[in-house]
N, C-alpha and C. Protein backbone atom coordinates (compact mmCIF):
# COMPACT_ATOMS: atom_id res chain seq x y z
N MET A 1 -2.55 -14.98 -8.38
CA MET A 1 -3.40 -14.37 -9.40
C MET A 1 -4.22 -13.24 -8.78
N TRP A 2 -4.36 -12.15 -9.54
CA TRP A 2 -5.19 -11.03 -9.12
C TRP A 2 -6.27 -10.80 -10.16
N VAL A 3 -7.49 -10.67 -9.69
CA VAL A 3 -8.63 -10.48 -10.59
C VAL A 3 -9.50 -9.35 -10.06
N GLY A 4 -9.88 -8.42 -10.91
CA GLY A 4 -10.77 -7.33 -10.48
C GLY A 4 -10.65 -6.13 -11.39
N ARG A 5 -11.32 -5.07 -11.01
CA ARG A 5 -11.21 -3.82 -11.74
C ARG A 5 -9.88 -3.18 -11.38
N ALA A 6 -9.26 -2.57 -12.36
CA ALA A 6 -7.92 -2.03 -12.16
C ALA A 6 -7.89 -0.51 -12.30
N SER A 7 -7.03 0.10 -11.48
CA SER A 7 -6.70 1.52 -11.64
C SER A 7 -5.37 1.58 -12.38
N VAL A 8 -5.25 2.48 -13.33
CA VAL A 8 -4.00 2.63 -14.07
C VAL A 8 -3.11 3.62 -13.35
N ILE A 9 -1.94 3.18 -12.93
CA ILE A 9 -0.99 4.04 -12.22
C ILE A 9 -0.10 4.77 -13.22
N ASP A 10 0.40 4.04 -14.20
CA ASP A 10 1.14 4.64 -15.31
C ASP A 10 0.99 3.71 -16.51
N GLY A 11 1.79 3.94 -17.54
CA GLY A 11 1.60 3.19 -18.77
C GLY A 11 1.77 1.69 -18.69
N ASP A 12 2.48 1.20 -17.68
CA ASP A 12 2.64 -0.24 -17.55
C ASP A 12 2.48 -0.75 -16.12
N THR A 13 1.76 0.02 -15.31
CA THR A 13 1.51 -0.39 -13.93
C THR A 13 0.03 -0.24 -13.59
N LEU A 14 -0.54 -1.30 -13.03
CA LEU A 14 -1.94 -1.30 -12.61
C LEU A 14 -2.02 -1.49 -11.10
N GLU A 15 -3.18 -1.21 -10.55
CA GLU A 15 -3.43 -1.52 -9.14
C GLU A 15 -4.77 -2.23 -9.05
N ILE A 16 -4.75 -3.42 -8.46
CA ILE A 16 -5.96 -4.21 -8.26
C ILE A 16 -6.05 -4.57 -6.78
N HIS A 17 -7.13 -4.19 -6.13
CA HIS A 17 -7.32 -4.47 -4.70
C HIS A 17 -6.13 -4.00 -3.87
N GLY A 18 -5.57 -2.83 -4.21
CA GLY A 18 -4.46 -2.27 -3.44
C GLY A 18 -3.10 -2.83 -3.80
N GLN A 19 -3.04 -3.76 -4.72
CA GLN A 19 -1.77 -4.37 -5.12
C GLN A 19 -1.26 -3.74 -6.42
N ARG A 20 -0.04 -3.20 -6.37
CA ARG A 20 0.58 -2.64 -7.57
C ARG A 20 1.11 -3.79 -8.43
N ILE A 21 0.81 -3.73 -9.71
CA ILE A 21 1.19 -4.80 -10.63
C ILE A 21 1.89 -4.21 -11.85
N ARG A 22 3.11 -4.66 -12.08
CA ARG A 22 3.89 -4.23 -13.25
C ARG A 22 3.62 -5.20 -14.39
N ILE A 23 3.22 -4.66 -15.54
CA ILE A 23 2.91 -5.51 -16.69
C ILE A 23 4.19 -6.17 -17.21
N TRP A 24 4.15 -7.47 -17.34
CA TRP A 24 5.31 -8.22 -17.80
C TRP A 24 5.58 -7.99 -19.29
N GLY A 25 6.86 -7.90 -19.64
CA GLY A 25 7.27 -7.94 -21.04
C GLY A 25 7.15 -6.67 -21.84
N ALA A 26 6.53 -5.64 -21.29
CA ALA A 26 6.35 -4.37 -22.02
C ALA A 26 6.89 -3.23 -21.17
N ASP A 27 7.59 -2.30 -21.79
CA ASP A 27 8.12 -1.14 -21.08
C ASP A 27 7.52 0.11 -21.72
N ALA A 28 6.57 0.72 -21.02
CA ALA A 28 5.88 1.90 -21.55
C ALA A 28 6.67 3.17 -21.27
N VAL A 29 6.42 4.19 -22.07
CA VAL A 29 7.04 5.48 -21.80
C VAL A 29 6.61 5.95 -20.41
N GLU A 30 7.53 6.62 -19.71
CA GLU A 30 7.30 7.02 -18.33
C GLU A 30 6.31 8.19 -18.24
N SER A 31 5.68 8.30 -17.07
CA SER A 31 4.64 9.32 -16.88
C SER A 31 5.12 10.74 -17.16
N ARG A 32 6.38 11.03 -16.82
CA ARG A 32 6.92 12.38 -17.03
C ARG A 32 7.64 12.53 -18.36
N GLN A 33 7.58 11.49 -19.17
CA GLN A 33 8.34 11.51 -20.42
C GLN A 33 7.58 12.20 -21.55
N ASN A 34 8.30 13.00 -22.33
CA ASN A 34 7.75 13.64 -23.52
C ASN A 34 8.38 13.03 -24.77
N CYS A 35 7.64 13.04 -25.85
CA CYS A 35 8.13 12.58 -27.15
C CYS A 35 8.06 13.76 -28.12
N VAL A 36 8.56 13.57 -29.32
CA VAL A 36 8.56 14.64 -30.32
C VAL A 36 7.80 14.16 -31.55
N SER A 37 6.84 14.97 -31.98
CA SER A 37 6.01 14.61 -33.13
C SER A 37 6.79 14.82 -34.43
N ARG A 38 6.21 14.40 -35.54
CA ARG A 38 6.88 14.53 -36.84
C ARG A 38 7.09 15.99 -37.23
N ASP A 39 6.26 16.90 -36.68
CA ASP A 39 6.45 18.32 -36.97
C ASP A 39 7.23 19.02 -35.86
N ALA A 40 8.01 18.22 -35.11
CA ALA A 40 8.96 18.73 -34.10
C ALA A 40 8.29 19.35 -32.88
N GLN A 41 7.07 18.94 -32.57
CA GLN A 41 6.37 19.43 -31.38
C GLN A 41 6.49 18.41 -30.25
N SER A 42 6.81 18.92 -29.06
CA SER A 42 6.89 18.04 -27.89
C SER A 42 5.49 17.71 -27.39
N TRP A 43 5.28 16.46 -27.02
CA TRP A 43 3.97 16.08 -26.48
C TRP A 43 4.15 15.09 -25.34
N ALA A 44 3.19 15.09 -24.42
CA ALA A 44 3.28 14.30 -23.19
C ALA A 44 2.90 12.84 -23.46
N CYS A 45 3.80 12.12 -24.11
CA CYS A 45 3.49 10.75 -24.50
C CYS A 45 3.31 9.83 -23.29
N GLY A 46 4.02 10.11 -22.19
CA GLY A 46 3.88 9.27 -21.00
C GLY A 46 2.48 9.33 -20.41
N ARG A 47 1.96 10.55 -20.26
CA ARG A 47 0.60 10.71 -19.74
C ARG A 47 -0.42 10.16 -20.73
N ARG A 48 -0.14 10.33 -22.03
CA ARG A 48 -1.04 9.84 -23.06
C ARG A 48 -1.12 8.32 -23.03
N ALA A 49 0.01 7.67 -22.79
CA ALA A 49 0.04 6.20 -22.73
C ALA A 49 -0.83 5.69 -21.59
N ALA A 50 -0.70 6.32 -20.42
CA ALA A 50 -1.51 5.91 -19.27
C ALA A 50 -3.00 6.14 -19.54
N ALA A 51 -3.32 7.28 -20.16
CA ALA A 51 -4.73 7.59 -20.46
C ALA A 51 -5.30 6.60 -21.46
N ALA A 52 -4.50 6.24 -22.46
CA ALA A 52 -4.96 5.29 -23.48
C ALA A 52 -5.24 3.92 -22.85
N LEU A 53 -4.34 3.50 -21.95
CA LEU A 53 -4.54 2.21 -21.28
C LEU A 53 -5.78 2.23 -20.41
N SER A 54 -5.97 3.35 -19.68
CA SER A 54 -7.15 3.48 -18.82
C SER A 54 -8.44 3.45 -19.64
N ASP A 55 -8.44 4.15 -20.77
CA ASP A 55 -9.63 4.17 -21.63
C ASP A 55 -9.93 2.78 -22.18
N TRP A 56 -8.89 2.06 -22.55
CA TRP A 56 -9.07 0.73 -23.14
C TRP A 56 -9.60 -0.27 -22.11
N ILE A 57 -9.06 -0.22 -20.90
CA ILE A 57 -9.51 -1.15 -19.86
C ILE A 57 -10.92 -0.78 -19.39
N GLY A 58 -11.15 0.52 -19.16
CA GLY A 58 -12.45 0.97 -18.69
C GLY A 58 -12.84 0.30 -17.38
N GLN A 59 -14.07 -0.18 -17.30
CA GLN A 59 -14.56 -0.83 -16.09
C GLN A 59 -14.50 -2.36 -16.19
N ARG A 60 -13.79 -2.85 -17.18
CA ARG A 60 -13.73 -4.30 -17.38
C ARG A 60 -12.84 -4.99 -16.35
N THR A 61 -13.08 -6.26 -16.14
CA THR A 61 -12.30 -7.05 -15.20
C THR A 61 -10.94 -7.39 -15.80
N VAL A 62 -9.91 -7.24 -14.98
CA VAL A 62 -8.55 -7.57 -15.40
C VAL A 62 -8.09 -8.80 -14.63
N THR A 63 -7.47 -9.73 -15.32
CA THR A 63 -6.93 -10.94 -14.70
C THR A 63 -5.41 -10.93 -14.86
N CYS A 64 -4.69 -11.04 -13.75
CA CYS A 64 -3.23 -10.98 -13.79
C CYS A 64 -2.62 -12.22 -13.14
N ASN A 65 -1.77 -12.90 -13.88
CA ASN A 65 -1.05 -14.06 -13.36
C ASN A 65 0.37 -13.63 -13.02
N VAL A 66 0.70 -13.65 -11.74
CA VAL A 66 1.99 -13.16 -11.26
C VAL A 66 3.12 -14.09 -11.68
N ILE A 67 4.18 -13.49 -12.22
CA ILE A 67 5.35 -14.23 -12.66
C ILE A 67 6.52 -14.02 -11.71
N ASP A 68 6.65 -12.78 -11.20
CA ASP A 68 7.82 -12.43 -10.39
C ASP A 68 7.51 -11.18 -9.60
N ARG A 69 8.50 -10.67 -8.87
CA ARG A 69 8.41 -9.35 -8.22
C ARG A 69 9.64 -8.57 -8.61
N ASP A 70 9.44 -7.26 -8.85
CA ASP A 70 10.59 -6.45 -9.23
C ASP A 70 11.28 -5.90 -7.99
N ARG A 71 12.34 -5.12 -8.20
CA ARG A 71 13.14 -4.65 -7.07
C ARG A 71 12.41 -3.61 -6.22
N TYR A 72 11.27 -3.13 -6.70
CA TYR A 72 10.48 -2.19 -5.91
C TYR A 72 9.36 -2.89 -5.15
N GLY A 73 9.31 -4.20 -5.25
CA GLY A 73 8.29 -4.96 -4.52
C GLY A 73 7.00 -5.16 -5.27
N ARG A 74 6.90 -4.63 -6.50
CA ARG A 74 5.68 -4.79 -7.27
C ARG A 74 5.61 -6.20 -7.85
N ALA A 75 4.39 -6.72 -7.93
CA ALA A 75 4.19 -7.98 -8.63
C ALA A 75 4.39 -7.72 -10.12
N VAL A 76 5.06 -8.63 -10.79
CA VAL A 76 5.22 -8.57 -12.24
C VAL A 76 4.33 -9.67 -12.82
N ALA A 77 3.40 -9.30 -13.68
CA ALA A 77 2.40 -10.27 -14.11
C ALA A 77 2.00 -10.11 -15.57
N ARG A 78 1.55 -11.20 -16.15
CA ARG A 78 0.91 -11.15 -17.46
C ARG A 78 -0.57 -10.94 -17.20
N CYS A 79 -1.10 -9.87 -17.73
CA CYS A 79 -2.49 -9.50 -17.46
C CYS A 79 -3.31 -9.55 -18.74
N ALA A 80 -4.60 -9.82 -18.56
CA ALA A 80 -5.49 -9.89 -19.72
C ALA A 80 -6.81 -9.21 -19.41
N VAL A 81 -7.40 -8.62 -20.44
CA VAL A 81 -8.71 -7.99 -20.36
C VAL A 81 -9.56 -8.56 -21.49
N GLY A 82 -10.63 -9.23 -21.13
CA GLY A 82 -11.48 -9.83 -22.17
C GLY A 82 -10.72 -10.79 -23.06
N GLY A 83 -9.73 -11.46 -22.49
CA GLY A 83 -8.94 -12.41 -23.26
C GLY A 83 -7.77 -11.81 -24.01
N ALA A 84 -7.68 -10.47 -24.04
CA ALA A 84 -6.59 -9.79 -24.75
C ALA A 84 -5.43 -9.50 -23.80
N ASP A 85 -4.23 -9.82 -24.22
CA ASP A 85 -3.02 -9.61 -23.43
C ASP A 85 -2.73 -8.11 -23.33
N VAL A 86 -2.62 -7.61 -22.10
CA VAL A 86 -2.42 -6.17 -21.89
C VAL A 86 -1.07 -5.71 -22.44
N GLY A 87 -0.01 -6.48 -22.16
CA GLY A 87 1.32 -6.11 -22.66
C GLY A 87 1.35 -6.05 -24.18
N ALA A 88 0.73 -7.03 -24.81
CA ALA A 88 0.68 -7.05 -26.28
C ALA A 88 -0.09 -5.84 -26.80
N TRP A 89 -1.18 -5.48 -26.12
CA TRP A 89 -1.98 -4.32 -26.54
C TRP A 89 -1.15 -3.05 -26.46
N LEU A 90 -0.40 -2.87 -25.36
CA LEU A 90 0.43 -1.68 -25.19
C LEU A 90 1.46 -1.56 -26.31
N VAL A 91 2.13 -2.66 -26.60
CA VAL A 91 3.18 -2.62 -27.62
C VAL A 91 2.57 -2.46 -29.01
N ARG A 92 1.53 -3.18 -29.31
CA ARG A 92 0.89 -3.13 -30.63
C ARG A 92 0.33 -1.75 -30.94
N ASN A 93 -0.12 -1.04 -29.90
CA ASN A 93 -0.70 0.29 -30.12
C ASN A 93 0.31 1.42 -29.97
N GLY A 94 1.56 1.05 -29.78
CA GLY A 94 2.62 2.06 -29.79
C GLY A 94 2.80 2.82 -28.50
N TRP A 95 2.36 2.26 -27.37
CA TRP A 95 2.54 2.95 -26.09
C TRP A 95 3.65 2.34 -25.25
N ALA A 96 4.19 1.24 -25.70
CA ALA A 96 5.28 0.56 -24.99
C ALA A 96 6.16 -0.16 -26.00
N LEU A 97 7.36 -0.49 -25.55
CA LEU A 97 8.28 -1.28 -26.37
C LEU A 97 8.39 -2.67 -25.77
N ASP A 98 8.78 -3.61 -26.60
CA ASP A 98 9.06 -4.95 -26.10
C ASP A 98 10.23 -4.85 -25.12
N TYR A 99 10.03 -5.38 -23.90
CA TYR A 99 11.09 -5.33 -22.88
C TYR A 99 11.91 -6.61 -23.03
N THR A 100 12.75 -6.62 -24.05
CA THR A 100 13.42 -7.83 -24.51
C THR A 100 14.23 -8.51 -23.42
N THR A 101 14.81 -7.74 -22.50
CA THR A 101 15.60 -8.32 -21.42
C THR A 101 14.81 -9.36 -20.65
N TYR A 102 13.51 -9.13 -20.51
CA TYR A 102 12.65 -10.03 -19.74
C TYR A 102 11.71 -10.85 -20.62
N SER A 103 11.28 -10.26 -21.72
CA SER A 103 10.29 -10.95 -22.56
C SER A 103 10.91 -11.92 -23.55
N LYS A 104 12.24 -11.78 -23.76
CA LYS A 104 12.94 -12.58 -24.78
C LYS A 104 12.33 -12.36 -26.17
N GLY A 105 11.82 -11.15 -26.38
CA GLY A 105 11.30 -10.81 -27.70
C GLY A 105 9.87 -11.22 -27.98
N ALA A 106 9.13 -11.58 -26.93
CA ALA A 106 7.75 -12.07 -27.12
C ALA A 106 6.87 -11.06 -27.85
N TYR A 107 7.09 -9.76 -27.58
CA TYR A 107 6.24 -8.73 -28.18
C TYR A 107 6.92 -7.98 -29.33
N LYS A 108 8.08 -8.45 -29.74
CA LYS A 108 8.83 -7.74 -30.79
C LYS A 108 8.05 -7.63 -32.10
N PRO A 109 7.33 -8.66 -32.52
CA PRO A 109 6.54 -8.53 -33.76
C PRO A 109 5.50 -7.41 -33.67
N PHE A 110 4.90 -7.23 -32.47
CA PHE A 110 3.91 -6.17 -32.28
C PHE A 110 4.58 -4.80 -32.33
N GLU A 111 5.82 -4.72 -31.82
CA GLU A 111 6.56 -3.46 -31.86
C GLU A 111 6.85 -3.07 -33.31
N ARG A 112 7.26 -4.04 -34.12
CA ARG A 112 7.52 -3.75 -35.53
C ARG A 112 6.24 -3.33 -36.25
N GLU A 113 5.14 -3.96 -35.89
CA GLU A 113 3.85 -3.61 -36.49
C GLU A 113 3.47 -2.17 -36.15
N ALA A 114 3.65 -1.79 -34.87
CA ALA A 114 3.31 -0.43 -34.43
C ALA A 114 4.20 0.60 -35.10
N ALA A 115 5.49 0.28 -35.24
CA ALA A 115 6.43 1.20 -35.87
C ALA A 115 6.07 1.41 -37.35
N ALA A 116 5.72 0.32 -38.03
CA ALA A 116 5.37 0.42 -39.45
C ALA A 116 4.11 1.25 -39.66
N ALA A 117 3.18 1.16 -38.70
CA ALA A 117 1.92 1.89 -38.81
C ALA A 117 1.99 3.28 -38.17
N ARG A 118 3.15 3.62 -37.58
CA ARG A 118 3.36 4.91 -36.90
C ARG A 118 2.33 5.14 -35.79
N ARG A 119 2.08 4.13 -35.01
CA ARG A 119 1.12 4.26 -33.91
C ARG A 119 1.80 4.80 -32.66
N GLY A 120 1.04 5.58 -31.88
CA GLY A 120 1.53 6.05 -30.59
C GLY A 120 2.86 6.78 -30.70
N ILE A 121 3.83 6.35 -29.89
CA ILE A 121 5.13 7.02 -29.86
C ILE A 121 5.89 6.89 -31.18
N HIS A 122 5.53 5.92 -31.99
CA HIS A 122 6.20 5.73 -33.28
C HIS A 122 5.79 6.76 -34.32
N SER A 123 4.85 7.64 -33.95
CA SER A 123 4.42 8.69 -34.88
C SER A 123 5.47 9.77 -35.03
N GLY A 124 6.48 9.76 -34.15
CA GLY A 124 7.56 10.73 -34.21
C GLY A 124 8.83 10.10 -33.67
N THR A 125 9.56 10.86 -32.85
CA THR A 125 10.78 10.34 -32.24
C THR A 125 10.63 10.29 -30.73
N PHE A 126 11.39 9.39 -30.11
CA PHE A 126 11.29 9.21 -28.66
C PHE A 126 12.54 8.49 -28.16
N ASP A 127 12.76 8.60 -26.86
CA ASP A 127 13.80 7.82 -26.20
C ASP A 127 13.17 6.54 -25.68
N ALA A 128 13.86 5.43 -25.81
CA ALA A 128 13.37 4.20 -25.21
C ALA A 128 13.22 4.45 -23.71
N PRO A 129 12.17 3.94 -23.08
CA PRO A 129 11.94 4.22 -21.66
C PRO A 129 13.14 3.94 -20.78
N TRP A 130 13.86 2.85 -21.04
CA TRP A 130 15.01 2.51 -20.19
C TRP A 130 16.16 3.50 -20.38
N GLU A 131 16.27 4.10 -21.57
CA GLU A 131 17.28 5.12 -21.79
C GLU A 131 16.86 6.43 -21.13
N TRP A 132 15.58 6.75 -21.22
CA TRP A 132 15.07 7.98 -20.60
C TRP A 132 15.29 7.94 -19.09
N ARG A 133 15.05 6.77 -18.49
CA ARG A 133 15.21 6.66 -17.03
C ARG A 133 16.64 6.90 -16.59
N LYS A 134 17.60 6.52 -17.41
CA LYS A 134 19.00 6.69 -17.05
C LYS A 134 19.36 8.16 -16.85
N THR A 135 18.74 9.03 -17.62
CA THR A 135 19.10 10.45 -17.56
C THR A 135 18.06 11.34 -16.88
N LYS A 136 16.81 10.89 -16.83
CA LYS A 136 15.74 11.76 -16.33
C LYS A 136 15.15 11.31 -15.01
N ASP A 137 15.09 10.02 -14.76
CA ASP A 137 14.40 9.53 -13.56
C ASP A 137 15.36 9.56 -12.39
N THR A 138 15.73 10.78 -11.97
CA THR A 138 16.74 10.98 -10.95
C THR A 138 16.11 11.46 -9.65
N LEU A 139 16.97 11.69 -8.66
CA LEU A 139 16.49 12.13 -7.36
C LEU A 139 15.82 13.49 -7.44
N THR A 140 14.75 13.68 -6.70
CA THR A 140 14.11 14.99 -6.58
C THR A 140 14.59 15.63 -5.29
N VAL A 141 14.57 16.95 -5.24
CA VAL A 141 15.13 17.63 -4.08
C VAL A 141 14.07 18.12 -3.12
N ALA A 142 12.86 18.25 -3.57
CA ALA A 142 11.79 18.76 -2.71
C ALA A 142 10.96 17.61 -2.16
N PRO A 143 10.38 17.77 -0.96
CA PRO A 143 9.50 16.73 -0.42
C PRO A 143 8.36 16.45 -1.39
N SER A 144 7.96 15.19 -1.48
CA SER A 144 6.89 14.81 -2.40
C SER A 144 5.54 15.27 -1.86
N PRO A 145 4.75 16.00 -2.65
CA PRO A 145 3.40 16.38 -2.21
C PRO A 145 2.45 15.23 -2.45
N PRO A 146 1.29 15.23 -1.81
CA PRO A 146 0.30 14.19 -2.11
C PRO A 146 -0.03 14.24 -3.60
N PRO A 147 -0.36 13.10 -4.21
CA PRO A 147 -0.65 13.08 -5.64
C PRO A 147 -1.84 13.95 -6.00
N LEU A 148 -1.77 14.57 -7.18
CA LEU A 148 -2.89 15.38 -7.63
C LEU A 148 -4.12 14.51 -7.76
N GLY A 149 -5.24 15.01 -7.32
CA GLY A 149 -6.46 14.24 -7.42
C GLY A 149 -6.62 13.22 -6.30
N GLY A 150 -5.65 13.19 -5.37
CA GLY A 150 -5.74 12.24 -4.27
C GLY A 150 -6.79 12.66 -3.26
N ARG A 151 -7.12 11.76 -2.36
CA ARG A 151 -8.12 12.08 -1.34
C ARG A 151 -7.53 13.00 -0.29
N PRO A 152 -8.26 14.02 0.14
CA PRO A 152 -7.77 14.93 1.16
C PRO A 152 -7.40 14.17 2.43
N GLY A 153 -6.27 14.55 3.03
CA GLY A 153 -5.86 13.90 4.27
C GLY A 153 -5.01 12.66 4.07
N CYS A 154 -4.76 12.28 2.84
CA CYS A 154 -3.94 11.08 2.57
C CYS A 154 -2.47 11.48 2.55
N THR A 155 -1.89 11.65 3.73
CA THR A 155 -0.53 12.19 3.84
C THR A 155 0.49 11.18 4.34
N ILE A 156 0.08 9.95 4.54
CA ILE A 156 1.01 8.91 5.00
C ILE A 156 1.78 8.37 3.80
N LYS A 157 3.11 8.37 3.90
CA LYS A 157 3.96 7.98 2.78
C LYS A 157 4.33 6.51 2.85
N GLY A 158 3.90 5.75 1.85
CA GLY A 158 4.25 4.33 1.76
C GLY A 158 5.47 4.16 0.89
N ASN A 159 6.63 4.05 1.52
CA ASN A 159 7.92 3.98 0.83
C ASN A 159 8.38 2.53 0.69
N ILE A 160 9.15 2.23 -0.36
CA ILE A 160 9.77 0.91 -0.52
C ILE A 160 11.27 1.11 -0.46
N SER A 161 11.92 0.49 0.53
CA SER A 161 13.34 0.70 0.76
C SER A 161 14.20 -0.01 -0.29
N SER A 162 15.51 0.24 -0.24
CA SER A 162 16.44 -0.40 -1.18
C SER A 162 16.48 -1.91 -0.99
N LYS A 163 16.01 -2.37 0.18
CA LYS A 163 15.94 -3.81 0.44
C LYS A 163 14.54 -4.36 0.17
N ALA A 164 13.73 -3.56 -0.52
CA ALA A 164 12.36 -3.93 -0.90
C ALA A 164 11.44 -4.07 0.31
N GLU A 165 11.77 -3.40 1.42
CA GLU A 165 10.90 -3.40 2.60
C GLU A 165 9.86 -2.29 2.44
N ARG A 166 8.62 -2.61 2.77
CA ARG A 166 7.53 -1.64 2.67
C ARG A 166 7.37 -0.94 4.02
N ILE A 167 7.71 0.33 4.06
CA ILE A 167 7.73 1.09 5.31
C ILE A 167 6.93 2.37 5.11
N TYR A 168 6.05 2.67 6.06
CA TYR A 168 5.29 3.92 5.92
C TYR A 168 5.74 4.95 6.96
N HIS A 169 5.63 6.22 6.58
CA HIS A 169 6.04 7.34 7.43
C HIS A 169 4.85 8.27 7.63
N VAL A 170 4.63 8.69 8.86
CA VAL A 170 3.53 9.60 9.14
C VAL A 170 4.09 10.99 9.41
N PRO A 171 3.31 12.05 9.14
CA PRO A 171 3.77 13.41 9.39
C PRO A 171 4.26 13.56 10.83
N GLY A 172 5.41 14.22 10.98
CA GLY A 172 5.98 14.42 12.30
C GLY A 172 7.13 13.49 12.60
N GLN A 173 7.22 12.37 11.88
CA GLN A 173 8.34 11.47 12.10
C GLN A 173 9.62 12.08 11.53
N GLU A 174 10.75 11.65 12.06
CA GLU A 174 12.04 12.25 11.72
C GLU A 174 12.35 12.21 10.22
N ASN A 175 12.03 11.09 9.57
CA ASN A 175 12.39 10.94 8.16
C ASN A 175 11.24 11.24 7.19
N TYR A 176 10.16 11.81 7.72
CA TYR A 176 8.99 12.04 6.86
C TYR A 176 9.30 12.97 5.69
N ASP A 177 9.85 14.16 5.98
CA ASP A 177 10.05 15.15 4.93
C ASP A 177 11.06 14.71 3.87
N ARG A 178 12.06 13.93 4.29
CA ARG A 178 13.08 13.52 3.32
C ARG A 178 12.67 12.29 2.51
N THR A 179 11.58 11.66 2.90
CA THR A 179 11.11 10.47 2.18
C THR A 179 10.38 10.88 0.91
N GLN A 180 10.83 10.35 -0.22
CA GLN A 180 10.24 10.65 -1.51
C GLN A 180 9.34 9.50 -1.95
N ILE A 181 8.22 9.82 -2.58
CA ILE A 181 7.29 8.80 -3.06
C ILE A 181 7.31 8.78 -4.59
N ASN A 182 7.60 7.60 -5.13
CA ASN A 182 7.61 7.42 -6.58
C ASN A 182 6.54 6.40 -6.94
N LEU A 183 5.43 6.88 -7.45
CA LEU A 183 4.30 5.99 -7.76
C LEU A 183 4.67 4.94 -8.80
N ALA A 184 5.57 5.30 -9.71
CA ALA A 184 5.95 4.37 -10.77
C ALA A 184 6.72 3.18 -10.23
N HIS A 185 7.27 3.33 -9.02
CA HIS A 185 8.04 2.25 -8.42
C HIS A 185 7.22 1.44 -7.42
N GLY A 186 5.92 1.67 -7.41
CA GLY A 186 5.06 0.89 -6.53
C GLY A 186 4.81 1.52 -5.17
N GLU A 187 5.40 2.70 -4.93
CA GLU A 187 5.17 3.39 -3.67
C GLU A 187 3.82 4.10 -3.72
N ARG A 188 3.28 4.47 -2.55
CA ARG A 188 1.93 5.03 -2.56
C ARG A 188 1.67 5.88 -1.33
N TRP A 189 0.53 6.58 -1.37
CA TRP A 189 0.06 7.38 -0.25
C TRP A 189 -1.09 6.65 0.43
N PHE A 190 -1.18 6.80 1.76
CA PHE A 190 -2.27 6.19 2.52
C PHE A 190 -3.01 7.27 3.31
N CYS A 191 -4.29 6.98 3.56
CA CYS A 191 -5.12 7.91 4.32
C CYS A 191 -5.13 7.59 5.81
N SER A 192 -4.72 6.40 6.18
CA SER A 192 -4.69 6.02 7.59
C SER A 192 -3.62 4.95 7.79
N GLU A 193 -3.17 4.81 9.04
CA GLU A 193 -2.18 3.78 9.34
C GLU A 193 -2.79 2.39 9.16
N ALA A 194 -4.07 2.27 9.46
CA ALA A 194 -4.74 0.98 9.30
C ALA A 194 -4.71 0.55 7.83
N GLU A 195 -4.93 1.51 6.95
CA GLU A 195 -4.90 1.22 5.51
C GLU A 195 -3.50 0.77 5.09
N ALA A 196 -2.48 1.43 5.62
CA ALA A 196 -1.10 1.08 5.28
C ALA A 196 -0.75 -0.32 5.76
N VAL A 197 -1.11 -0.62 6.99
CA VAL A 197 -0.83 -1.95 7.56
C VAL A 197 -1.56 -3.03 6.77
N SER A 198 -2.81 -2.75 6.43
CA SER A 198 -3.61 -3.72 5.68
C SER A 198 -3.01 -4.02 4.31
N ALA A 199 -2.33 -3.02 3.73
CA ALA A 199 -1.72 -3.19 2.41
C ALA A 199 -0.34 -3.83 2.47
N GLY A 200 0.14 -4.09 3.69
CA GLY A 200 1.42 -4.78 3.83
C GLY A 200 2.61 -3.91 4.20
N TRP A 201 2.36 -2.67 4.60
CA TRP A 201 3.44 -1.78 5.03
C TRP A 201 3.58 -1.83 6.55
N ARG A 202 4.78 -1.55 7.07
CA ARG A 202 4.99 -1.42 8.51
C ARG A 202 5.47 0.00 8.80
N LYS A 203 5.24 0.44 10.05
CA LYS A 203 5.58 1.81 10.42
C LYS A 203 7.08 1.99 10.58
N ALA A 204 7.58 3.14 10.12
CA ALA A 204 9.00 3.45 10.27
C ALA A 204 9.35 3.61 11.74
N ALA A 205 10.57 3.27 12.09
CA ALA A 205 11.01 3.37 13.48
C ALA A 205 11.13 4.82 13.92
N ARG A 206 11.40 5.71 12.96
CA ARG A 206 11.52 7.13 13.30
C ARG A 206 11.15 8.02 12.13
């Protein structure tokens, strides 16, 4: 269980005490994803979803009960704020869809409610997040820059390998430039090696 104030990483990922947590049962639109409004205007629904979640949580305490870990090493948990289920809130307010593969339809009634009321992404047209990822969430060709708004000097790359190993790379190492950081997959930037080790990462061999 994780309890504390949370930082919103994206529409369905939180960070509490340095631990990335994927919200169980809900699949939110991705950070780089755009939707189309009823008047055919493109809008940044992915960023809007994350902002809405952040505004709703505010400075309140979040309680997360871990259910599993995903292939990126993130904890998958049912989280609550003030007794309200975070996944249910996301789906009910139209920022996420029921992730039926894992939820077995637990949030499907909330999804139908949001669609009927045209809330969030249901106000226009959109690709389901899992469909969007198939075509858009592909390899990038340029080295990943530090995240916007990050702390100066935080250049250590906390990567999660295909075997779910947490490995960090420091500037100057052989594989540093080719290592890509995907925050949505639980990867992160560190300001010091001590911080990386404390969070559970080990240093790359090269």
